[in-house]
Amino acid sequence: MGRLVVQMNRNTRRTLHFLSVTGVFMTTFAILYLVQKYTIGLLFSLNDIKVYGFPVHIILYSVIALLFMKRFIKISSPYIDE
C-alpha cells in the first residue's frame, strides 16, 4: 500500500517542528532529572543538602541532565524542513 503524502503550509510545519522538539526535550529532561532525584539523591542524601535554604540538588541534577543530553541524545523531529 502506498504512503499518503500531505502537503503542509510552511508555518504549520515550523510550528509542529517546534512543538515536537520542545516536547521531546522536556520529556527527556524530566525523565533524567527524576531518575537522578529518586536514585542517586536518595542513596547519598543529596536531596537534603541546602545552601542558604536553597536546595542544591535542583542545580546539580539540571546541569547533569543537560550535559548528558548534549553528549548522548540527539533530538530531532519528523517535521523539519527539507
C-alpha atoms as a PDB file:
ATOM      1  CA  MET A   1       0.000   0.000   0.000  1.00  0.00           C
ATOM      2  CA  GLY A   2       1.283   3.484  -0.852  1.00  0.00           C
ATOM      3  CA  ARG A   3       2.101   6.183   1.626  1.00  0.00           C
ATOM      4  CA  LEU A   4      -0.196   9.171   1.860  1.00  0.00           C
ATOM      5  CA  VAL A   5       1.755  12.373   1.281  1.00  0.00           C
ATOM      6  CA  VAL A   6       0.204  15.536   2.671  1.00  0.00           C
ATOM      7  CA  GLN A   7       1.483  18.967   1.754  1.00  0.00           C
ATOM      8  CA  MET A   8       1.552  21.298   4.739  1.00  0.00           C
ATOM      9  CA  ASN A   9       1.875  25.006   4.959  1.00  0.00           C
ATOM     10  CA  ARG A  10       5.428  26.162   5.853  1.00  0.00           C
ATOM     11  CA  ASN A  11       4.247  27.873   9.052  1.00  0.00           C
ATOM     12  CA  THR A  12       2.317  24.774  10.112  1.00  0.00           C
ATOM     13  CA  ARG A  13       5.408  22.623   9.561  1.00  0.00           C
ATOM     14  CA  ARG A  14       7.595  25.020  11.571  1.00  0.00           C
ATOM     15  CA  THR A  15       5.064  25.102  14.414  1.00  0.00           C
ATOM     16  CA  LEU A  16       4.783  21.306  14.514  1.00  0.00           C
ATOM     17  CA  HIS A  17       8.593  21.021  14.399  1.00  0.00           C
ATOM     18  CA  PHE A  18       8.946  23.428  17.340  1.00  0.00           C
ATOM     19  CA  LEU A  19       6.280  21.607  19.381  1.00  0.00           C
ATOM     20  CA  SER A  20       7.818  18.219  18.618  1.00  0.00           C
ATOM     21  CA  VAL A  21      11.362  19.225  19.562  1.00  0.00           C
ATOM     22  CA  THR A  22      10.179  21.058  22.689  1.00  0.00           C
ATOM     23  CA  GLY A  23       8.082  18.101  23.825  1.00  0.00           C
ATOM     24  CA  VAL A  24      10.888  15.600  23.317  1.00  0.00           C
ATOM     25  CA  PHE A  25      13.356  17.872  25.135  1.00  0.00           C
ATOM     26  CA  MET A  26      11.065  18.444  28.106  1.00  0.00           C
ATOM     27  CA  THR A  27      10.141  14.772  28.431  1.00  0.00           C
ATOM     28  CA  THR A  28      13.758  13.612  28.210  1.00  0.00           C
ATOM     29  CA  PHE A  29      14.928  16.246  30.685  1.00  0.00           C
ATOM     30  CA  ALA A  30      12.168  15.347  33.154  1.00  0.00           C
ATOM     31  CA  ILE A  31      12.949  11.629  32.987  1.00  0.00           C
ATOM     32  CA  LEU A  32      16.678  12.193  33.516  1.00  0.00           C
ATOM     33  CA  TYR A  33      16.035  14.635  36.373  1.00  0.00           C
ATOM     34  CA  LEU A  34      13.609  12.330  38.161  1.00  0.00           C
ATOM     35  CA  VAL A  35      15.858   9.283  37.768  1.00  0.00           C
ATOM     36  CA  GLN A  36      18.686  11.223  39.422  1.00  0.00           C
ATOM     37  CA  LYS A  37      16.464  12.584  42.170  1.00  0.00           C
ATOM     38  CA  TYR A  38      14.975   9.251  43.160  1.00  0.00           C
ATOM     39  CA  THR A  39      18.078   7.077  42.798  1.00  0.00           C
ATOM     40  CA  ILE A  40      21.312   8.987  43.427  1.00  0.00           C
ATOM     41  CA  GLY A  41      19.609  11.637  45.534  1.00  0.00           C
ATOM     42  CA  LEU A  42      18.027   9.161  47.916  1.00  0.00           C
ATOM     43  CA  LEU A  43      21.057   6.861  48.101  1.00  0.00           C
ATOM     44  CA  PHE A  44      23.537   9.585  49.016  1.00  0.00           C
ATOM     45  CA  SER A  45      21.092  12.012  50.711  1.00  0.00           C
ATOM     46  CA  LEU A  46      21.829  14.739  48.150  1.00  0.00           C
ATOM     47  CA  ASN A  47      18.212  15.880  48.245  1.00  0.00           C
ATOM     48  CA  ASP A  48      18.710  17.136  51.820  1.00  0.00           C
ATOM     49  CA  ILE A  49      21.672  19.488  51.167  1.00  0.00           C
ATOM     50  CA  LYS A  50      20.742  23.180  51.281  1.00  0.00           C
ATOM     51  CA  VAL A  51      22.811  26.335  50.906  1.00  0.00           C
ATOM     52  CA  TYR A  52      21.146  29.392  52.466  1.00  0.00           C
ATOM     53  CA  GLY A  53      17.867  27.482  52.407  1.00  0.00           C
ATOM     54  CA  PHE A  54      18.078  26.701  48.669  1.00  0.00           C
ATOM     55  CA  PRO A  55      18.178  23.007  47.688  1.00  0.00           C
ATOM     56  CA  VAL A  56      21.410  22.379  45.774  1.00  0.00           C
ATOM     57  CA  HIS A  57      20.087  19.255  44.054  1.00  0.00           C
ATOM     58  CA  ILE A  58      17.956  21.346  41.668  1.00  0.00           C
ATOM     59  CA  ILE A  59      21.015  22.943  40.066  1.00  0.00           C
ATOM     60  CA  LEU A  60      23.124  19.785  40.268  1.00  0.00           C
ATOM     61  CA  TYR A  61      20.588  17.471  38.615  1.00  0.00           C
ATOM     62  CA  SER A  62      19.659  20.054  35.974  1.00  0.00           C
ATOM     63  CA  VAL A  63      23.268  20.585  34.912  1.00  0.00           C
ATOM     64  CA  ILE A  64      23.974  16.841  34.797  1.00  0.00           C
ATOM     65  CA  ALA A  65      20.807  16.172  32.778  1.00  0.00           C
ATOM     66  CA  LEU A  66      21.649  18.926  30.273  1.00  0.00           C
ATOM     67  CA  LEU A  67      25.246  17.703  29.877  1.00  0.00           C
ATOM     68  CA  PHE A  68      24.043  14.127  29.380  1.00  0.00           C
ATOM     69  CA  MET A  69      21.509  15.257  26.777  1.00  0.00           C
ATOM     70  CA  LYS A  70      24.096  17.327  24.923  1.00  0.00           C
ATOM     71  CA  ARG A  71      26.586  14.461  24.838  1.00  0.00           C
ATOM     72  CA  PHE A  72      24.418  11.384  24.202  1.00  0.00           C
ATOM     73  CA  ILE A  73      20.955  12.357  22.914  1.00  0.00           C
ATOM     74  CA  LYS A  74      20.066  13.760  19.518  1.00  0.00           C
ATOM     75  CA  ILE A  75      16.658  15.420  19.428  1.00  0.00           C
ATOM     76  CA  SER A  76      15.040  15.519  16.009  1.00  0.00           C
ATOM     77  CA  SER A  77      11.603  15.931  14.507  1.00  0.00           C
ATOM     78  CA  PRO A  78       9.769  14.467  11.514  1.00  0.00           C
ATOM     79  CA  TYR A  79       8.521  17.958  10.662  1.00  0.00           C
ATOM     80  CA  ILE A  80      11.888  19.547   9.894  1.00  0.00           C
ATOM     81  CA  ASP A  81      12.045  21.493   6.637  1.00  0.00           C
ATOM     82  CA  GLU A  82      13.803  19.725   3.815  1.00  0.00           C
END
